[in-house]
């Protein structure tokens, strides 16, 4: 928006993926790579990535300079939740989210884009 003065710029993209492959959702190294690449695709600065195996599921959380990317999976249901939040105007969290969807190949997905900005 022209003329808008942002004190904080924020965009949060989050959603659910249904009908994903059990093998992809259970593969912690694969999912870590997906999150690392999503940060690149979204023009974000990756600081750290942590992975937890919650057998058979996986949680991957990336701390990015601009905020975070998270994937939580339930392979037994073919289900994953994805969360991409960025406070950087230069970044594109929606593009990062859609990259994750493209790689995980769900039968269907839904997502929401929330404005998390503080405007003066």
PDB file of N, CA and C in Angstrom:
ATOM      1  N   UNK A   1       0.848  -1.186   0.000  1.00  0.00           N
ATOM      2  CA  UNK A   1       0.000   0.000   0.000  1.00  0.00           C
ATOM      3  C   UNK A   1       0.884   1.236   0.000  1.00  0.00           C
ATOM      4  N   UNK A   2       0.602   2.123  -0.924  1.00  0.00           N
ATOM      5  CA  UNK A   2       1.385   3.332  -1.048  1.00  0.00           C
ATOM      6  C   UNK A   2       1.031   4.292   0.086  1.00  0.00           C
ATOM      7  N   UNK A   3       2.045   4.930   0.630  1.00  0.00           N
ATOM      8  CA  UNK A   3       1.836   5.894   1.701  1.00  0.00           C
ATOM      9  C   UNK A   3       1.707   5.278   3.088  1.00  0.00           C
ATOM     10  N   UNK A   4       1.714   3.965   3.169  1.00  0.00           N
ATOM     11  CA  UNK A   4       1.599   3.279   4.453  1.00  0.00           C
ATOM     12  C   UNK A   4       2.970   3.244   5.108  1.00  0.00           C
ATOM     13  N   UNK A   5       3.000   3.563   6.391  1.00  0.00           N
ATOM     14  CA  UNK A   5       4.263   3.505   7.139  1.00  0.00           C
ATOM     15  C   UNK A   5       4.222   2.298   8.067  1.00  0.00           C
ATOM     16  N   UNK A   6       5.048   1.314   7.734  1.00  0.00           N
ATOM     17  CA  UNK A   6       5.126   0.107   8.542  1.00  0.00           C
ATOM     18  C   UNK A   6       6.104   0.311   9.687  1.00  0.00           C
ATOM     19  N   UNK A   7       5.659   0.021  10.891  1.00  0.00           N
ATOM     20  CA  UNK A   7       6.587  -0.083  12.016  1.00  0.00           C
ATOM     21  C   UNK A   7       7.167  -1.496  12.000  1.00  0.00           C
ATOM     22  N   UNK A   8       6.291  -2.477  11.743  1.00  0.00           N
ATOM     23  CA  UNK A   8       6.696  -3.865  11.584  1.00  0.00           C
ATOM     24  C   UNK A   8       5.929  -4.420  10.388  1.00  0.00           C
ATOM     25  N   UNK A   9       6.660  -5.051   9.466  1.00  0.00           N
ATOM     26  CA  UNK A   9       6.023  -5.705   8.337  1.00  0.00           C
ATOM     27  C   UNK A   9       6.013  -7.196   8.618  1.00  0.00           C
ATOM     28  N   UNK A  10       4.867  -7.832   8.481  1.00  0.00           N
ATOM     29  CA  UNK A  10       4.806  -9.264   8.722  1.00  0.00           C
ATOM     30  C   UNK A  10       3.758  -9.939   7.866  1.00  0.00           C
ATOM     31  N   UNK A  11       4.125 -11.110   7.338  1.00  0.00           N
ATOM     32  CA  UNK A  11       3.183 -11.922   6.565  1.00  0.00           C
ATOM     33  C   UNK A  11       3.343 -13.359   7.051  1.00  0.00           C
ATOM     34  N   UNK A  12       2.210 -13.963   7.389  1.00  0.00           N
ATOM     35  CA  UNK A  12       2.196 -15.316   7.939  1.00  0.00           C
ATOM     36  C   UNK A  12       1.360 -16.193   7.012  1.00  0.00           C
ATOM     37  N   UNK A  13       1.973 -17.228   6.483  1.00  0.00           N
ATOM     38  CA  UNK A  13       1.287 -18.163   5.600  1.00  0.00           C
ATOM     39  C   UNK A  13       1.298 -19.519   6.300  1.00  0.00           C
ATOM     40  N   UNK A  14       0.115 -20.080   6.512  1.00  0.00           N
ATOM     41  CA  UNK A  14       0.035 -21.362   7.215  1.00  0.00           C
ATOM     42  C   UNK A  14      -1.102 -22.185   6.632  1.00  0.00           C
ATOM     43  N   UNK A  15      -0.931 -23.510   6.721  1.00  0.00           N
ATOM     44  CA  UNK A  15      -1.975 -24.349   6.163  1.00  0.00           C
ATOM     45  C   UNK A  15      -1.771 -25.825   6.457  1.00  0.00           C
ATOM     46  N   UNK A  16      -2.678 -26.614   5.887  1.00  0.00           N
ATOM     47  CA  UNK A  16      -2.720 -28.059   6.081  1.00  0.00           C
ATOM     48  C   UNK A  16      -2.594 -28.760   4.736  1.00  0.00           C
ATOM     49  N   UNK A  17      -1.832 -29.861   4.742  1.00  0.00           N
ATOM     50  CA  UNK A  17      -1.650 -30.678   3.551  1.00  0.00           C
ATOM     51  C   UNK A  17      -2.222 -32.060   3.827  1.00  0.00           C
ATOM     52  N   UNK A  18      -3.054 -32.551   2.913  1.00  0.00           N
ATOM     53  CA  UNK A  18      -3.745 -33.832   3.074  1.00  0.00           C
ATOM     54  C   UNK A  18      -3.362 -34.780   1.948  1.00  0.00           C
ATOM     55  N   UNK A  19      -3.247 -36.054   2.278  1.00  0.00           N
ATOM     56  CA  UNK A  19      -2.986 -37.059   1.252  1.00  0.00           C
ATOM     57  C   UNK A  19      -1.551 -37.070   0.749  1.00  0.00           C
ATOM     58  N   UNK A  20      -0.610 -36.779   1.633  1.00  0.00           N
ATOM     59  CA  UNK A  20       0.814 -36.822   1.275  1.00  0.00           C
ATOM     60  C   UNK A  20       1.347 -38.246   1.443  1.00  0.00           C
ATOM     61  N   UNK A  21       2.452 -38.508   0.814  1.00  0.00           N
ATOM     62  CA  UNK A  21       3.111 -39.810   0.892  1.00  0.00           C
ATOM     63  C   UNK A  21       3.645 -40.070   2.300  1.00  0.00           C
ATOM     64  N   UNK A  22       3.377 -41.260   2.810  1.00  0.00           N
ATOM     65  CA  UNK A  22       3.906 -41.675   4.115  1.00  0.00           C
ATOM     66  C   UNK A  22       5.419 -41.543   4.126  1.00  0.00           C
ATOM     67  N   UNK A  23       6.066 -42.030   3.066  1.00  0.00           N
ATOM     68  CA  UNK A  23       7.528 -42.040   3.002  1.00  0.00           C
ATOM     69  C   UNK A  23       8.108 -40.631   3.097  1.00  0.00           C
ATOM     70  N   UNK A  24       7.526 -39.681   2.381  1.00  0.00           N
ATOM     71  CA  UNK A  24       8.035 -38.307   2.435  1.00  0.00           C
ATOM     72  C   UNK A  24       7.836 -37.694   3.820  1.00  0.00           C
ATOM     73  N   UNK A  25       6.677 -37.926   4.399  1.00  0.00           N
ATOM     74  CA  UNK A  25       6.371 -37.311   5.697  1.00  0.00           C
ATOM     75  C   UNK A  25       7.139 -37.938   6.853  1.00  0.00           C
ATOM     76  N   UNK A  26       7.681 -39.129   6.653  1.00  0.00           N
ATOM     77  CA  UNK A  26       8.441 -39.803   7.712  1.00  0.00           C
ATOM     78  C   UNK A  26       9.956 -39.608   7.563  1.00  0.00           C
ATOM     79  N   UNK A  27      10.392 -38.982   6.480  1.00  0.00           N
ATOM     80  CA  UNK A  27      11.816 -38.843   6.170  1.00  0.00           C
ATOM     81  C   UNK A  27      12.355 -37.519   6.706  1.00  0.00           C
ATOM     82  N   UNK A  28      12.977 -37.561   7.881  1.00  0.00           N
ATOM     83  CA  UNK A  28      13.429 -36.338   8.549  1.00  0.00           C
ATOM     84  C   UNK A  28      14.501 -35.589   7.756  1.00  0.00           C
ATOM     85  N   UNK A  29      15.426 -36.295   7.129  1.00  0.00           N
ATOM     86  CA  UNK A  29      16.472 -35.616   6.351  1.00  0.00           C
ATOM     87  C   UNK A  29      15.895 -34.946   5.107  1.00  0.00           C
ATOM     88  N   UNK A  30      14.959 -35.639   4.452  1.00  0.00           N
ATOM     89  CA  UNK A  30      14.285 -35.054   3.290  1.00  0.00           C
ATOM     90  C   UNK A  30      13.557 -33.771   3.698  1.00  0.00           C
ATOM     91  N   UNK A  31      12.805 -33.823   4.793  1.00  0.00           N
ATOM     92  CA  UNK A  31      12.035 -32.657   5.236  1.00  0.00           C
ATOM     93  C   UNK A  31      12.945 -31.505   5.647  1.00  0.00           C
ATOM     94  N   UNK A  32      14.069 -31.819   6.260  1.00  0.00           N
ATOM     95  CA  UNK A  32      15.037 -30.771   6.602  1.00  0.00           C
ATOM     96  C   UNK A  32      15.497 -30.067   5.324  1.00  0.00           C
ATOM     97  N   UNK A  33      15.811 -30.838   4.298  1.00  0.00           N
ATOM     98  CA  UNK A  33      16.217 -30.260   3.018  1.00  0.00           C
ATOM     99  C   UNK A  33      15.128 -29.410   2.384  1.00  0.00           C
ATOM    100  N   UNK A  34      13.882 -29.839   2.527  1.00  0.00           N
ATOM    101  CA  UNK A  34      12.751 -29.077   1.989  1.00  0.00           C
ATOM    102  C   UNK A  34      12.669 -27.708   2.660  1.00  0.00           C
ATOM    103  N   UNK A  35      12.831 -27.674   3.971  1.00  0.00           N
ATOM    104  CA  UNK A  35      12.754 -26.408   4.704  1.00  0.00           C
ATOM    105  C   UNK A  35      13.920 -25.488   4.328  1.00  0.00           C
ATOM    106  N   UNK A  36      15.109 -26.056   4.208  1.00  0.00           N
ATOM    107  CA  UNK A  36      16.284 -25.256   3.818  1.00  0.00           C
ATOM    108  C   UNK A  36      16.059 -24.640   2.434  1.00  0.00           C
ATOM    109  N   UNK A  37      15.562 -25.431   1.502  1.00  0.00           N
ATOM    110  CA  UNK A  37      15.315 -24.919   0.149  1.00  0.00           C
ATOM    111  C   UNK A  37      14.163 -23.915   0.132  1.00  0.00           C
ATOM    112  N   UNK A  38      13.139 -24.137   0.941  1.00  0.00           N
ATOM    113  CA  UNK A  38      12.013 -23.191   1.017  1.00  0.00           C
ATOM    114  C   UNK A  38      12.495 -21.820   1.478  1.00  0.00           C
ATOM    115  N   UNK A  39      13.437 -21.795   2.408  1.00  0.00           N
ATOM    116  CA  UNK A  39      13.994 -20.512   2.867  1.00  0.00           C
ATOM    117  C   UNK A  39      14.673 -19.798   1.694  1.00  0.00           C
ATOM    118  N   UNK A  40      15.406 -20.539   0.877  1.00  0.00           N
ATOM    119  CA  UNK A  40      16.068 -19.943  -0.300  1.00  0.00           C
ATOM    120  C   UNK A  40      15.028 -19.427  -1.286  1.00  0.00           C
ATOM    121  N   UNK A  41      14.032 -20.266  -1.581  1.00  0.00           N
ATOM    122  CA  UNK A  41      12.984 -19.899  -2.542  1.00  0.00           C
ATOM    123  C   UNK A  41      12.249 -18.634  -2.083  1.00  0.00           C
ATOM    124  N   UNK A  42      12.040 -18.522  -0.778  1.00  0.00           N
ATOM    125  CA  UNK A  42      11.331 -17.366  -0.223  1.00  0.00           C
ATOM    126  C   UNK A  42      12.227 -16.173   0.074  1.00  0.00           C
ATOM    127  N   UNK A  43      13.500 -16.256  -0.319  1.00  0.00           N
ATOM    128  CA  UNK A  43      14.458 -15.165  -0.110  1.00  0.00           C
ATOM    129  C   UNK A  43      14.605 -14.811   1.371  1.00  0.00           C
ATOM    130  N   UNK A  44      14.776 -15.847   2.190  1.00  0.00           N
ATOM    131  CA  UNK A  44      14.904 -15.680   3.631  1.00  0.00           C
ATOM    132  C   UNK A  44      16.310 -16.083   4.068  1.00  0.00           C
ATOM    133  N   UNK A  45      16.735 -15.555   5.192  1.00  0.00           N
ATOM    134  CA  UNK A  45      18.071 -15.815   5.718  1.00  0.00           C
ATOM    135  C   UNK A  45      17.996 -16.906   6.778  1.00  0.00           C
ATOM    136  N   UNK A  46      18.484 -18.094   6.447  1.00  0.00           N
ATOM    137  CA  UNK A  46      18.425 -19.236   7.348  1.00  0.00           C
ATOM    138  C   UNK A  46      19.472 -19.094   8.449  1.00  0.00           C
ATOM    139  N   UNK A  47      19.038 -19.221   9.710  1.00  0.00           N
ATOM    140  CA  UNK A  47      19.947 -19.154  10.844  1.00  0.00           C
ATOM    141  C   UNK A  47      20.220 -20.529  11.444  1.00  0.00           C
ATOM    142  N   UNK A  48      19.180 -21.355  11.563  1.00  0.00           N
ATOM    143  CA  UNK A  48      19.339 -22.668  12.175  1.00  0.00           C
ATOM    144  C   UNK A  48      18.141 -23.541  11.822  1.00  0.00           C
ATOM    145  N   UNK A  49      18.357 -24.855  11.831  1.00  0.00           N
ATOM    146  CA  UNK A  49      17.284 -25.820  11.584  1.00  0.00           C
ATOM    147  C   UNK A  49      17.388 -26.915  12.634  1.00  0.00           C
ATOM    148  N   UNK A  50      16.269 -27.250  13.230  1.00  0.00           N
ATOM    149  CA  UNK A  50      16.206 -28.349  14.198  1.00  0.00           C
ATOM    150  C   UNK A  50      15.178 -29.360  13.704  1.00  0.00           C
ATOM    151  N   UNK A  51      15.469 -30.632  13.946  1.00  0.00           N
ATOM    152  CA  UNK A  51      14.595 -31.721  13.507  1.00  0.00           C
ATOM    153  C   UNK A  51      14.336 -32.638  14.694  1.00  0.00           C
ATOM    154  N   UNK A  52      13.085 -33.020  14.861  1.00  0.00           N
ATOM    155  CA  UNK A  52      12.700 -33.979  15.894  1.00  0.00           C
ATOM    156  C   UNK A  52      11.911 -35.092  15.237  1.00  0.00           C
ATOM    157  N   UNK A  53      12.291 -36.336  15.528  1.00  0.00           N
ATOM    158  CA  UNK A  53      11.522 -37.494  15.069  1.00  0.00           C
ATOM    159  C   UNK A  53      10.562 -37.857  16.191  1.00  0.00           C
ATOM    160  N   UNK A  54       9.299 -37.824  15.875  1.00  0.00           N
ATOM    161  CA  UNK A  54       8.258 -38.186  16.830  1.00  0.00           C
ATOM    162  C   UNK A  54       7.557 -39.373  16.177  1.00  0.00           C
ATOM    163  N   UNK A  55       8.244 -40.481  16.184  1.00  0.00           N
ATOM    164  CA  UNK A  55       7.936 -41.642  15.377  1.00  0.00           C
ATOM    165  C   UNK A  55       6.445 -41.965  15.333  1.00  0.00           C
ATOM    166  N   UNK A  56       5.862 -42.029  14.144  1.00  0.00           N
ATOM    167  CA  UNK A  56       6.521 -41.948  12.850  1.00  0.00           C
ATOM    168  C   UNK A  56       6.636 -40.528  12.306  1.00  0.00           C
ATOM    169  N   UNK A  57       6.086 -39.546  13.011  1.00  0.00           N
ATOM    170  CA  UNK A  57       6.078 -38.172  12.523  1.00  0.00           C
ATOM    171  C   UNK A  57       7.405 -37.463  12.691  1.00  0.00           C
ATOM    172  N   UNK A  58       7.449 -36.281  12.092  1.00  0.00           N
ATOM    173  CA  UNK A  58       8.652 -35.453  12.125  1.00  0.00           C
ATOM    174  C   UNK A  58       8.215 -34.006  12.334  1.00  0.00           C
ATOM    175  N   UNK A  59       8.997 -33.278  13.111  1.00  0.00           N
ATOM    176  CA  UNK A  59       8.843 -31.828  13.217  1.00  0.00           C
ATOM    177  C   UNK A  59      10.148 -31.185  12.804  1.00  0.00           C
ATOM    178  N   UNK A  60      10.066 -30.225  11.895  1.00  0.00           N
ATOM    179  CA  UNK A  60      11.228 -29.469  11.443  1.00  0.00           C
ATOM    180  C   UNK A  60      10.914 -28.000  11.673  1.00  0.00           C
ATOM    181  N   UNK A  61      11.804 -27.327  12.382  1.00  0.00           N
ATOM    182  CA  UNK A  61      11.632 -25.904  12.631  1.00  0.00           C
ATOM    183  C   UNK A  61      12.909 -25.193  12.208  1.00  0.00           C
ATOM    184  N   UNK A  62      12.761 -24.229  11.321  1.00  0.00           N
ATOM    185  CA  UNK A  62      13.885 -23.410  10.879  1.00  0.00           C
ATOM    186  C   UNK A  62      13.709 -22.015  11.451  1.00  0.00           C
ATOM    187  N   UNK A  63      14.731 -21.546  12.084  1.00  0.00           N
ATOM    188  CA  UNK A  63      14.753 -20.149  12.516  1.00  0.00           C
ATOM    189  C   UNK A  63      15.400 -19.383  11.373  1.00  0.00           C
ATOM    190  N   UNK A  64      14.669 -18.417  10.874  1.00  0.00           N
ATOM    191  CA  UNK A  64      15.203 -17.550   9.836  1.00  0.00           C
ATOM    192  C   UNK A  64      15.347 -16.159  10.450  1.00  0.00           C
ATOM    193  N   UNK A  65      16.223 -15.370   9.901  1.00  0.00           N
ATOM    194  CA  UNK A  65      16.440 -14.020  10.416  1.00  0.00           C
ATOM    195  C   UNK A  65      15.111 -13.266  10.486  1.00  0.00           C
ATOM    196  N   UNK A  66      14.250 -13.534   9.521  1.00  0.00           N
ATOM    197  CA  UNK A  66      12.969 -12.835   9.424  1.00  0.00           C
ATOM    198  C   UNK A  66      11.878 -13.449  10.296  1.00  0.00           C
ATOM    199  N   UNK A  67      12.023 -14.675  10.787  1.00  0.00           N
ATOM    200  CA  UNK A  67      11.118 -15.334  11.732  1.00  0.00           C
ATOM    201  C   UNK A  67      11.292 -16.846  11.715  1.00  0.00           C
ATOM    202  N   UNK A  68      10.343 -17.611  11.069  1.00  0.00           N
ATOM    203  CA  UNK A  68      10.464 -19.071  11.126  1.00  0.00           C
ATOM    204  C   UNK A  68       9.707 -19.783  10.004  1.00  0.00           C
ATOM    205  N   UNK A  69      10.106 -21.050   9.801  1.00  0.00           N
ATOM    206  CA  UNK A  69       9.398 -21.989   8.924  1.00  0.00           C
ATOM    207  C   UNK A  69       9.265 -23.277   9.730  1.00  0.00           C
ATOM    208  N   UNK A  70       8.076 -23.877   9.729  1.00  0.00           N
ATOM    209  CA  UNK A  70       7.880 -25.131  10.466  1.00  0.00           C
ATOM    210  C   UNK A  70       7.029 -26.093   9.652  1.00  0.00           C
ATOM    211  N   UNK A  71       7.411 -27.372   9.728  1.00  0.00           N
ATOM    212  CA  UNK A  71       6.604 -28.458   9.170  1.00  0.00           C
ATOM    213  C   UNK A  71       6.443 -29.493  10.274  1.00  0.00           C
ATOM    214  N   UNK A  72       5.202 -29.920  10.498  1.00  0.00           N
ATOM    215  CA  UNK A  72       4.903 -30.999  11.453  1.00  0.00           C
ATOM    216  C   UNK A  72       4.122 -32.058  10.681  1.00  0.00           C
ATOM    217  N   UNK A  73       4.537 -33.324  10.822  1.00  0.00           N
ATOM    218  CA  UNK A  73       3.912 -34.366  10.006  1.00  0.00           C
ATOM    219  C   UNK A  73       3.313 -35.492  10.837  1.00  0.00           C
ATOM    220  N   UNK A  74       2.277 -36.088  10.267  1.00  0.00           N
ATOM    221  CA  UNK A  74       1.617 -37.284  10.778  1.00  0.00           C
ATOM    222  C   UNK A  74       1.521 -38.252   9.589  1.00  0.00           C
ATOM    223  N   UNK A  75       2.618 -38.969   9.316  1.00  0.00           N
ATOM    224  CA  UNK A  75       2.638 -39.843   8.131  1.00  0.00           C
ATOM    225  C   UNK A  75       1.519 -40.870   8.115  1.00  0.00           C
ATOM    226  N   UNK A  76       1.149 -41.368   9.278  1.00  0.00           N
ATOM    227  CA  UNK A  76       0.108 -42.395   9.344  1.00  0.00           C
ATOM    228  C   UNK A  76      -1.239 -41.884   8.824  1.00  0.00           C
ATOM    229  N   UNK A  77      -1.402 -40.564   8.761  1.00  0.00           N
ATOM    230  CA  UNK A  77      -2.632 -39.965   8.231  1.00  0.00           C
ATOM    231  C   UNK A  77      -2.393 -39.233   6.909  1.00  0.00           C
ATOM    232  N   UNK A  78      -1.140 -39.214   6.429  1.00  0.00           N
ATOM    233  CA  UNK A  78      -0.814 -38.475   5.212  1.00  0.00           C
ATOM    234  C   UNK A  78      -0.992 -36.985   5.390  1.00  0.00           C
ATOM    235  N   UNK A  79      -0.822 -36.504   6.612  1.00  0.00           N
ATOM    236  CA  UNK A  79      -1.172 -35.127   6.988  1.00  0.00           C
ATOM    237  C   UNK A  79       0.058 -34.348   7.453  1.00  0.00           C
ATOM    238  N   UNK A  80       0.120 -33.080   7.063  1.00  0.00           N
ATOM    239  CA  UNK A  80       1.186 -32.193   7.529  1.00  0.00           C
ATOM    240  C   UNK A  80       0.631 -30.793   7.725  1.00  0.00           C
ATOM    241  N   UNK A  81       1.194 -30.088   8.692  1.00  0.00           N
ATOM    242  CA  UNK A  81       0.903 -28.670   8.841  1.00  0.00           C
ATOM    243  C   UNK A  81       2.176 -27.908   8.492  1.00  0.00           C
ATOM    244  N   UNK A  82       1.988 -26.761   7.852  1.00  0.00           N
ATOM    245  CA  UNK A  82       3.115 -25.947   7.406  1.00  0.00           C
ATOM    246  C   UNK A  82       2.868 -24.514   7.835  1.00  0.00           C
ATOM    247  N   UNK A  83       3.926 -23.887   8.322  1.00  0.00           N
ATOM    248  CA  UNK A  83       3.851 -22.540   8.857  1.00  0.00           C
ATOM    249  C   UNK A  83       5.061 -21.756   8.352  1.00  0.00           C
ATOM    250  N   UNK A  84       4.832 -20.644   7.646  1.00  0.00           N
ATOM    251  CA  UNK A  84       5.929 -19.802   7.162  1.00  0.00           C
ATOM    252  C   UNK A  84       5.589 -18.362   7.548  1.00  0.00           C
ATOM    253  N   UNK A  85       6.433 -17.789   8.392  1.00  0.00           N
ATOM    254  CA  UNK A  85       6.194 -16.430   8.880  1.00  0.00           C
ATOM    255  C   UNK A  85       7.434 -15.603   8.639  1.00  0.00           C
ATOM    256  N   UNK A  86       7.254 -14.417   8.062  1.00  0.00           N
ATOM    257  CA  UNK A  86       8.388 -13.550   7.778  1.00  0.00           C
ATOM    258  C   UNK A  86       8.060 -12.094   8.072  1.00  0.00           C
ATOM    259  N   UNK A  87       9.013 -11.429   8.657  1.00  0.00           N
ATOM    260  CA  UNK A  87       8.905  -9.992   8.935  1.00  0.00           C
ATOM    261  C   UNK A  87       9.751  -9.187   7.958  1.00  0.00           C
ATOM    262  N   UNK A  88      10.153  -9.773   6.868  1.00  0.00           N
ATOM    263  CA  UNK A  88      10.991  -9.063   5.909  1.00  0.00           C
ATOM    264  C   UNK A  88      10.229  -8.728   4.646  1.00  0.00           C
ATOM    265  N   UNK A  89      10.180  -7.447   4.294  1.00  0.00           N
ATOM    266  CA  UNK A  89       9.503  -7.041   3.063  1.00  0.00           C
ATOM    267  C   UNK A  89      10.143  -7.662   1.831  1.00  0.00           C
ATOM    268  N   UNK A  90      11.430  -7.962   1.919  1.00  0.00           N
ATOM    269  CA  UNK A  90      12.173  -8.533   0.796  1.00  0.00           C
ATOM    270  C   UNK A  90      11.866 -10.020   0.581  1.00  0.00           C
ATOM    271  N   UNK A  91      11.244 -10.656   1.558  1.00  0.00           N
ATOM    272  CA  UNK A  91      10.999 -12.095   1.479  1.00  0.00           C
ATOM    273  C   UNK A  91       9.611 -12.397   0.921  1.00  0.00           C
ATOM    274  N   UNK A  92       9.416 -13.682   0.587  1.00  0.00           N
ATOM    275  CA  UNK A  92       8.141 -14.098   0.007  1.00  0.00           C
ATOM    276  C   UNK A  92       7.688 -15.403   0.675  1.00  0.00           C
ATOM    277  N   UNK A  93       7.040 -15.306   1.850  1.00  0.00           N
ATOM    278  CA  UNK A  93       6.619 -16.520   2.544  1.00  0.00           C
ATOM    279  C   UNK A  93       5.589 -17.347   1.781  1.00  0.00           C
ATOM    280  N   UNK A  94       4.784 -16.710   0.965  1.00  0.00           N
ATOM    281  CA  UNK A  94       3.802 -17.457   0.189  1.00  0.00           C
ATOM    282  C   UNK A  94       4.496 -18.337  -0.867  1.00  0.00           C
ATOM    283  N   UNK A  95       5.536 -17.810  -1.464  1.00  0.00           N
ATOM    284  CA  UNK A  95       6.311 -18.589  -2.439  1.00  0.00           C
ATOM    285  C   UNK A  95       6.996 -19.766  -1.738  1.00  0.00           C
ATOM    286  N   UNK A  96       7.517 -19.547  -0.538  1.00  0.00           N
ATOM    287  CA  UNK A  96       8.150 -20.621   0.231  1.00  0.00           C
ATOM    288  C   UNK A  96       7.122 -21.696   0.584  1.00  0.00           C
ATOM    289  N   UNK A  97       5.932 -21.277   1.017  1.00  0.00           N
ATOM    290  CA  UNK A  97       4.865 -22.225   1.352  1.00  0.00           C
ATOM    291  C   UNK A  97       4.502 -23.069   0.126  1.00  0.00           C
ATOM    292  N   UNK A  98       4.308 -22.408  -1.001  1.00  0.00           N
ATOM    293  CA  UNK A  98       3.906 -23.121  -2.217  1.00  0.00           C
ATOM    294  C   UNK A  98       5.008 -24.072  -2.695  1.00  0.00           C
ATOM    295  N   UNK A  99       6.268 -23.737  -2.450  1.00  0.00           N
ATOM    296  CA  UNK A  99       7.358 -24.659  -2.769  1.00  0.00           C
ATOM    297  C   UNK A  99       7.210 -25.942  -1.935  1.00  0.00           C
ATOM    298  N   UNK A 100       6.948 -25.787  -0.657  1.00  0.00           N
ATOM    299  CA  UNK A 100       6.781 -26.947   0.224  1.00  0.00           C
ATOM    300  C   UNK A 100       5.625 -27.819  -0.271  1.00  0.00           C
ATOM    301  N   UNK A 101       4.529 -27.195  -0.647  1.00  0.00           N
ATOM    302  CA  UNK A 101       3.377 -27.932  -1.185  1.00  0.00           C
ATOM    303  C   UNK A 101       3.776 -28.688  -2.450  1.00  0.00           C
ATOM    304  N   UNK A 102       4.489 -28.019  -3.341  1.00  0.00           N
ATOM    305  CA  UNK A 102       4.909 -28.637  -4.608  1.00  0.00           C
ATOM    306  C   UNK A 102       5.752 -29.886  -4.359  1.00  0.00           C
ATOM    307  N   UNK A 103       6.634 -29.834  -3.382  1.00  0.00           N
ATOM    308  CA  UNK A 103       7.538 -30.958  -3.110  1.00  0.00           C
ATOM    309  C   UNK A 103       6.833 -32.091  -2.361  1.00  0.00           C
ATOM    310  N   UNK A 104       5.919 -31.759  -1.451  1.00  0.00           N
ATOM    311  CA  UNK A 104       5.231 -32.796  -0.667  1.00  0.00           C
ATOM    312  C   UNK A 104       4.049 -33.414  -1.413  1.00  0.00           C
ATOM    313  N   UNK A 105       3.616 -32.792  -2.502  1.00  0.00           N
ATOM    314  CA  UNK A 105       2.596 -33.349  -3.404  1.00  0.00           C
ATOM    315  C   UNK A 105       1.332 -33.850  -2.691  1.00  0.00           C
ATOM    316  N   UNK A 106       0.679 -33.005  -1.921  1.00  0.00           N
ATOM    317  CA  UNK A 106      -0.557 -33.464  -1.280  1.00  0.00           C
ATOM    318  C   UNK A 106      -1.670 -33.658  -2.306  1.00  0.00           C
ATOM    319  N   UNK A 107      -2.633 -34.508  -1.953  1.00  0.00           N
ATOM    320  CA  UNK A 107      -3.822 -34.666  -2.791  1.00  0.00           C
ATOM    321  C   UNK A 107      -4.619 -33.361  -2.776  1.00  0.00           C
ATOM    322  N   UNK A 108      -4.590 -32.690  -1.627  1.00  0.00           N
ATOM    323  CA  UNK A 108      -5.226 -31.369  -1.513  1.00  0.00           C
ATOM    324  C   UNK A 108      -4.568 -30.615  -0.366  1.00  0.00           C
ATOM    325  N   UNK A 109      -4.734 -29.292  -0.407  1.00  0.00           N
ATOM    326  CA  UNK A 109      -4.195 -28.464   0.663  1.00  0.00           C
ATOM    327  C   UNK A 109      -5.046 -27.214   0.811  1.00  0.00           C
ATOM    328  N   UNK A 110      -4.894 -26.586   1.942  1.00  0.00           N
ATOM    329  CA  UNK A 110      -5.561 -25.314   2.205  1.00  0.00           C
ATOM    330  C   UNK A 110      -4.567 -24.435   2.934  1.00  0.00           C
ATOM    331  N   UNK A 111      -4.686 -23.125   2.700  1.00  0.00           N
ATOM    332  CA  UNK A 111      -3.793 -22.225   3.414  1.00  0.00           C
ATOM    333  C   UNK A 111      -4.428 -20.858   3.610  1.00  0.00           C
ATOM    334  N   UNK A 112      -3.861 -20.142   4.552  1.00  0.00           N
ATOM    335  CA  UNK A 112      -4.308 -18.800   4.898  1.00  0.00           C
ATOM    336  C   UNK A 112      -3.102 -17.883   4.879  1.00  0.00           C
ATOM    337  N   UNK A 113      -3.314 -16.661   4.410  1.00  0.00           N
ATOM    338  CA  UNK A 113      -2.279 -15.636   4.470  1.00  0.00           C
ATOM    339  C   UNK A 113      -2.780 -14.570   5.428  1.00  0.00           C
ATOM    340  N   UNK A 114      -2.024 -14.362   6.492  1.00  0.00           N
ATOM    341  CA  UNK A 114      -2.409 -13.376   7.504  1.00  0.00           C
ATOM    342  C   UNK A 114      -1.420 -12.218   7.509  1.00  0.00           C
ATOM    343  N   UNK A 115      -1.946 -11.018   7.548  1.00  0.00           N
ATOM    344  CA  UNK A 115      -1.100  -9.831   7.684  1.00  0.00           C
ATOM    345  C   UNK A 115      -0.778  -9.680   9.160  1.00  0.00           C
ATOM    346  N   UNK A 116       0.505  -9.696   9.506  1.00  0.00           N
ATOM    347  CA  UNK A 116       0.933  -9.566  10.894  1.00  0.00           C
ATOM    348  C   UNK A 116       1.714  -8.263  11.075  1.00  0.00           C
ATOM    349  N   UNK A 117       1.369  -7.255  10.287  1.00  0.00           N
ATOM    350  CA  UNK A 117       2.086  -5.988  10.291  1.00  0.00           C
ATOM    351  C   UNK A 117       1.553  -5.048  11.379  1.00  0.00           C
ATOM    352  N   UNK A 118       2.426  -4.166  11.760  1.00  0.00           N
ATOM    353  CA  UNK A 118       2.060  -3.051  12.640  1.00  0.00           C
ATOM    354  C   UNK A 118       2.255  -1.786  11.813  1.00  0.00           C
ATOM    355  N   UNK A 119       1.142  -1.142  11.499  1.00  0.00           N
ATOM    356  CA  UNK A 119       1.156   0.010  10.607  1.00  0.00           C
ATOM    357  C   UNK A 119       0.879   1.264  11.414  1.00  0.00           C
ATOM    358  N   UNK A 120       1.644   2.288  11.096  1.00  0.00           N
ATOM    359  CA  UNK A 120       1.478   3.571  11.765  1.00  0.00           C
ATOM    360  C   UNK A 120       0.388   4.379  11.091  1.00  0.00           C
TER     361      UNK A 120
END
